[in-house]
Amino acid sequence: MSFITFGQKEDAKEYIKRPAVYCLMFNNQKDRIAIIETGDGKYFLPGGGIENTETH
């Protein structure tokens, strides 16, 4: 089974598994999607990780 991934894993970093949900939101014409731009020029899909106080 293959998975779609965004970015590359960095060997020098330790990663923690954290449940999360992200989505693709299309406009009415379905020719654009919503993305989030951070202050440092990176882009992400809307969504995020589940916080300790949240349930699935």
PDB file of N, CA and C in Angstrom:
ATOM      1  N   MET A   1       0.857  -1.180   0.000  1.00  0.00           N
ATOM      2  CA  MET A   1       0.000   0.000   0.000  1.00  0.00           C
ATOM      3  C   MET A   1       0.898   1.237   0.000  1.00  0.00           C
ATOM      4  N   SER A   2       0.547   2.227  -0.799  1.00  0.00           N
ATOM      5  CA  SER A   2       1.312   3.468  -0.818  1.00  0.00           C
ATOM      6  C   SER A   2       0.471   4.604  -0.238  1.00  0.00           C
ATOM      7  N   PHE A   3       1.149   5.596   0.310  1.00  0.00           N
ATOM      8  CA  PHE A   3       0.488   6.743   0.918  1.00  0.00           C
ATOM      9  C   PHE A   3       0.983   8.014   0.248  1.00  0.00           C
ATOM     10  N   ILE A   4       0.087   8.963   0.074  1.00  0.00           N
ATOM     11  CA  ILE A   4       0.477  10.277  -0.423  1.00  0.00           C
ATOM     12  C   ILE A   4       1.051  11.051   0.750  1.00  0.00           C
ATOM     13  N   THR A   5       2.208  11.650   0.577  1.00  0.00           N
ATOM     14  CA  THR A   5       2.817  12.433   1.646  1.00  0.00           C
ATOM     15  C   THR A   5       3.143  13.827   1.143  1.00  0.00           C
ATOM     16  N   PHE A   6       3.243  14.755   2.070  1.00  0.00           N
ATOM     17  CA  PHE A   6       3.606  16.132   1.760  1.00  0.00           C
ATOM     18  C   PHE A   6       4.912  16.428   2.463  1.00  0.00           C
ATOM     19  N   GLY A   7       5.906  16.863   1.736  1.00  0.00           N
ATOM     20  CA  GLY A   7       7.203  17.154   2.330  1.00  0.00           C
ATOM     21  C   GLY A   7       8.064  15.911   2.420  1.00  0.00           C
ATOM     22  N   GLN A   8       9.211  16.051   3.077  1.00  0.00           N
ATOM     23  CA  GLN A   8      10.130  14.942   3.240  1.00  0.00           C
ATOM     24  C   GLN A   8      10.469  14.755   4.707  1.00  0.00           C
ATOM     25  N   LYS A   9      10.627  13.507   5.110  1.00  0.00           N
ATOM     26  CA  LYS A   9      11.046  13.197   6.468  1.00  0.00           C
ATOM     27  C   LYS A   9      12.521  13.551   6.608  1.00  0.00           C
ATOM     28  N   GLU A  10      12.854  14.228   7.698  1.00  0.00           N
ATOM     29  CA  GLU A  10      14.235  14.600   7.958  1.00  0.00           C
ATOM     30  C   GLU A  10      14.826  13.602   8.937  1.00  0.00           C
ATOM     31  N   ASP A  11      15.955  12.983   8.575  1.00  0.00           N
ATOM     32  CA  ASP A  11      16.561  11.931   9.378  1.00  0.00           C
ATOM     33  C   ASP A  11      16.974  12.390  10.772  1.00  0.00           C
ATOM     34  N   ALA A  12      17.373  13.638  10.932  1.00  0.00           N
ATOM     35  CA  ALA A  12      17.874  14.121  12.216  1.00  0.00           C
ATOM     36  C   ALA A  12      16.766  14.486  13.207  1.00  0.00           C
ATOM     37  N   LYS A  13      15.489  14.382  12.798  1.00  0.00           N
ATOM     38  CA  LYS A  13      14.379  14.773  13.665  1.00  0.00           C
ATOM     39  C   LYS A  13      13.640  13.555  14.196  1.00  0.00           C
ATOM     40  N   GLU A  14      13.085  13.699  15.415  1.00  0.00           N
ATOM     41  CA  GLU A  14      12.234  12.671  15.991  1.00  0.00           C
ATOM     42  C   GLU A  14      10.785  13.074  15.748  1.00  0.00           C
ATOM     43  N   TYR A  15       9.975  12.160  15.237  1.00  0.00           N
ATOM     44  CA  TYR A  15       8.590  12.458  14.911  1.00  0.00           C
ATOM     45  C   TYR A  15       7.651  11.745  15.877  1.00  0.00           C
ATOM     46  N   ILE A  16       6.569  12.428  16.249  1.00  0.00           N
ATOM     47  CA  ILE A  16       5.556  11.885  17.149  1.00  0.00           C
ATOM     48  C   ILE A  16       4.285  11.673  16.341  1.00  0.00           C
ATOM     49  N   LYS A  17       3.673  10.486  16.462  1.00  0.00           N
ATOM     50  CA  LYS A  17       2.399  10.249  15.779  1.00  0.00           C
ATOM     51  C   LYS A  17       1.312  11.038  16.486  1.00  0.00           C
ATOM     52  N   ARG A  18       0.531  11.789  15.717  1.00  0.00           N
ATOM     53  CA  ARG A  18      -0.539  12.614  16.265  1.00  0.00           C
ATOM     54  C   ARG A  18      -1.724  12.551  15.313  1.00  0.00           C
ATOM     55  N   PRO A  19      -2.866  12.003  15.769  1.00  0.00           N
ATOM     56  CA  PRO A  19      -4.044  11.963  14.894  1.00  0.00           C
ATOM     57  C   PRO A  19      -4.409  13.367  14.419  1.00  0.00           C
ATOM     58  N   ALA A  20      -4.809  13.458  13.159  1.00  0.00           N
ATOM     59  CA  ALA A  20      -5.138  14.756  12.571  1.00  0.00           C
ATOM     60  C   ALA A  20      -6.140  14.575  11.442  1.00  0.00           C
ATOM     61  N   VAL A  21      -6.770  15.680  11.075  1.00  0.00           N
ATOM     62  CA  VAL A  21      -7.708  15.692   9.954  1.00  0.00           C
ATOM     63  C   VAL A  21      -7.404  16.910   9.095  1.00  0.00           C
ATOM     64  N   TYR A  22      -7.337  16.693   7.794  1.00  0.00           N
ATOM     65  CA  TYR A  22      -7.143  17.773   6.833  1.00  0.00           C
ATOM     66  C   TYR A  22      -8.167  17.594   5.719  1.00  0.00           C
ATOM     67  N   CYS A  23      -8.443  18.642   4.983  1.00  0.00           N
ATOM     68  CA  CYS A  23      -9.476  18.518   3.953  1.00  0.00           C
ATOM     69  C   CYS A  23      -9.093  19.294   2.696  1.00  0.00           C
ATOM     70  N   LEU A  24      -9.765  18.942   1.611  1.00  0.00           N
ATOM     71  CA  LEU A  24      -9.708  19.713   0.377  1.00  0.00           C
ATOM     72  C   LEU A  24     -11.042  20.421   0.241  1.00  0.00           C
ATOM     73  N   MET A  25     -10.994  21.748   0.152  1.00  0.00           N
ATOM     74  CA  MET A  25     -12.208  22.548  -0.001  1.00  0.00           C
ATOM     75  C   MET A  25     -12.152  23.218  -1.366  1.00  0.00           C
ATOM     76  N   PHE A  26     -13.109  22.885  -2.234  1.00  0.00           N
ATOM     77  CA  PHE A  26     -13.156  23.417  -3.591  1.00  0.00           C
ATOM     78  C   PHE A  26     -14.132  24.585  -3.687  1.00  0.00           C
ATOM     79  N   ASN A  27     -13.879  25.505  -4.619  1.00  0.00           N
ATOM     80  CA  ASN A  27     -14.859  26.547  -4.916  1.00  0.00           C
ATOM     81  C   ASN A  27     -15.975  25.938  -5.774  1.00  0.00           C
ATOM     82  N   ASN A  28     -16.998  26.712  -6.087  1.00  0.00           N
ATOM     83  CA  ASN A  28     -18.146  26.192  -6.855  1.00  0.00           C
ATOM     84  C   ASN A  28     -17.762  25.663  -8.230  1.00  0.00           C
ATOM     85  N   GLN A  29     -16.747  26.252  -8.855  1.00  0.00           N
ATOM     86  CA  GLN A  29     -16.330  25.813 -10.189  1.00  0.00           C
ATOM     87  C   GLN A  29     -15.389  24.605 -10.126  1.00  0.00           C
ATOM     88  N   LYS A  30     -14.970  24.258  -8.930  1.00  0.00           N
ATOM     89  CA  LYS A  30     -14.045  23.138  -8.698  1.00  0.00           C
ATOM     90  C   LYS A  30     -12.729  23.296  -9.467  1.00  0.00           C
ATOM     91  N   ASP A  31     -12.262  24.545  -9.560  1.00  0.00           N
ATOM     92  CA  ASP A  31     -10.978  24.772 -10.206  1.00  0.00           C
ATOM     93  C   ASP A  31      -9.953  25.400  -9.256  1.00  0.00           C
ATOM     94  N   ARG A  32     -10.327  25.542  -7.980  1.00  0.00           N
ATOM     95  CA  ARG A  32      -9.419  26.076  -6.964  1.00  0.00           C
ATOM     96  C   ARG A  32      -9.680  25.357  -5.647  1.00  0.00           C
ATOM     97  N   ILE A  33      -8.623  25.270  -4.823  1.00  0.00           N
ATOM     98  CA  ILE A  33      -8.791  24.715  -3.488  1.00  0.00           C
ATOM     99  C   ILE A  33      -8.322  25.734  -2.459  1.00  0.00           C
ATOM    100  N   ALA A  34      -8.827  25.605  -1.240  1.00  0.00           N
ATOM    101  CA  ALA A  34      -8.411  26.490  -0.147  1.00  0.00           C
ATOM    102  C   ALA A  34      -7.112  25.966   0.452  1.00  0.00           C
ATOM    103  N   ILE A  35      -6.154  26.871   0.694  1.00  0.00           N
ATOM    104  CA  ILE A  35      -4.919  26.533   1.390  1.00  0.00           C
ATOM    105  C   ILE A  35      -4.628  27.622   2.418  1.00  0.00           C
ATOM    106  N   ILE A  36      -3.824  27.273   3.400  1.00  0.00           N
ATOM    107  CA  ILE A  36      -3.429  28.209   4.449  1.00  0.00           C
ATOM    108  C   ILE A  36      -1.978  28.597   4.194  1.00  0.00           C
ATOM    109  N   GLU A  37      -1.701  29.901   4.157  1.00  0.00           N
ATOM    110  CA  GLU A  37      -0.326  30.375   4.016  1.00  0.00           C
ATOM    111  C   GLU A  37       0.165  30.863   5.364  1.00  0.00           C
ATOM    112  N   THR A  38       1.311  30.371   5.797  1.00  0.00           N
ATOM    113  CA  THR A  38       1.885  30.798   7.066  1.00  0.00           C
ATOM    114  C   THR A  38       2.728  32.053   6.848  1.00  0.00           C
ATOM    115  N   GLY A  39       3.141  32.671   7.911  1.00  0.00           N
ATOM    116  CA  GLY A  39       3.939  33.884   7.817  1.00  0.00           C
ATOM    117  C   GLY A  39       5.327  33.659   7.236  1.00  0.00           C
ATOM    118  N   ASP A  40       5.798  32.411   7.231  1.00  0.00           N
ATOM    119  CA  ASP A  40       7.136  32.135   6.716  1.00  0.00           C
ATOM    120  C   ASP A  40       7.124  31.548   5.304  1.00  0.00           C
ATOM    121  N   GLY A  41       5.991  31.724   4.587  1.00  0.00           N
ATOM    122  CA  GLY A  41       5.917  31.329   3.192  1.00  0.00           C
ATOM    123  C   GLY A  41       5.602  29.868   2.934  1.00  0.00           C
ATOM    124  N   LYS A  42       5.177  29.128   3.953  1.00  0.00           N
ATOM    125  CA  LYS A  42       4.783  27.730   3.761  1.00  0.00           C
ATOM    126  C   LYS A  42       3.275  27.653   3.562  1.00  0.00           C
ATOM    127  N   TYR A  43       2.826  26.573   2.941  1.00  0.00           N
ATOM    128  CA  TYR A  43       1.402  26.388   2.658  1.00  0.00           C
ATOM    129  C   TYR A  43       0.927  25.052   3.224  1.00  0.00           C
ATOM    130  N   PHE A  44      -0.304  25.039   3.746  1.00  0.00           N
ATOM    131  CA  PHE A  44      -0.889  23.840   4.322  1.00  0.00           C
ATOM    132  C   PHE A  44      -2.353  23.725   3.923  1.00  0.00           C
ATOM    133  N   LEU A  45      -2.888  22.519   4.002  1.00  0.00           N
ATOM    134  CA  LEU A  45      -4.320  22.305   3.821  1.00  0.00           C
ATOM    135  C   LEU A  45      -5.037  22.692   5.112  1.00  0.00           C
ATOM    136  N   PRO A  46      -6.310  23.128   5.028  1.00  0.00           N
ATOM    137  CA  PRO A  46      -7.070  23.422   6.242  1.00  0.00           C
ATOM    138  C   PRO A  46      -7.202  22.162   7.098  1.00  0.00           C
ATOM    139  N   GLY A  47      -7.081  22.318   8.388  1.00  0.00           N
ATOM    140  CA  GLY A  47      -7.217  21.193   9.309  1.00  0.00           C
ATOM    141  C   GLY A  47      -6.156  21.271  10.380  1.00  0.00           C
ATOM    142  N   GLY A  48      -5.923  20.155  11.030  1.00  0.00           N
ATOM    143  CA  GLY A  48      -4.897  20.129  12.056  1.00  0.00           C
ATOM    144  C   GLY A  48      -5.008  18.920  12.956  1.00  0.00           C
ATOM    145  N   GLY A  49      -4.091  18.861  13.910  1.00  0.00           N
ATOM    146  CA  GLY A  49      -4.025  17.739  14.843  1.00  0.00           C
ATOM    147  C   GLY A  49      -5.066  17.842  15.936  1.00  0.00           C
ATOM    148  N   ILE A  50      -5.383  16.683  16.497  1.00  0.00           N
ATOM    149  CA  ILE A  50      -6.336  16.624  17.604  1.00  0.00           C
ATOM    150  C   ILE A  50      -5.603  16.998  18.887  1.00  0.00           C
ATOM    151  N   GLU A  51      -6.120  17.960  19.621  1.00  0.00           N
ATOM    152  CA  GLU A  51      -5.522  18.408  20.875  1.00  0.00           C
ATOM    153  C   GLU A  51      -5.821  17.408  21.985  1.00  0.00           C
ATOM    154  N   ASN A  52      -5.063  17.467  23.082  1.00  0.00           N
ATOM    155  CA  ASN A  52      -5.254  16.546  24.200  1.00  0.00           C
ATOM    156  C   ASN A  52      -6.654  16.614  24.800  1.00  0.00           C
ATOM    157  N   THR A  53      -7.307  17.759  24.730  1.00  0.00           N
ATOM    158  CA  THR A  53      -8.641  17.926  25.328  1.00  0.00           C
ATOM    159  C   THR A  53      -9.764  17.568  24.361  1.00  0.00           C
ATOM    160  N   GLU A  54      -9.459  17.201  23.118  1.00  0.00           N
ATOM    161  CA  GLU A  54     -10.457  16.887  22.122  1.00  0.00           C
ATOM    162  C   GLU A  54     -10.636  15.373  21.979  1.00  0.00           C
ATOM    163  N   THR A  55     -11.826  14.974  21.563  1.00  0.00           N
ATOM    164  CA  THR A  55     -12.084  13.570  21.262  1.00  0.00           C
ATOM    165  C   THR A  55     -12.167  13.385  19.752  1.00  0.00           C
ATOM    166  N   HIS A  56     -12.084  12.146  19.304  1.00  0.00           N
ATOM    167  CA  HIS A  56     -12.201  11.877  17.888  1.00  0.00           C
ATOM    168  C   HIS A  56     -13.569  12.272  17.393  1.00  0.00           C
TER     169      HIS A  56
END
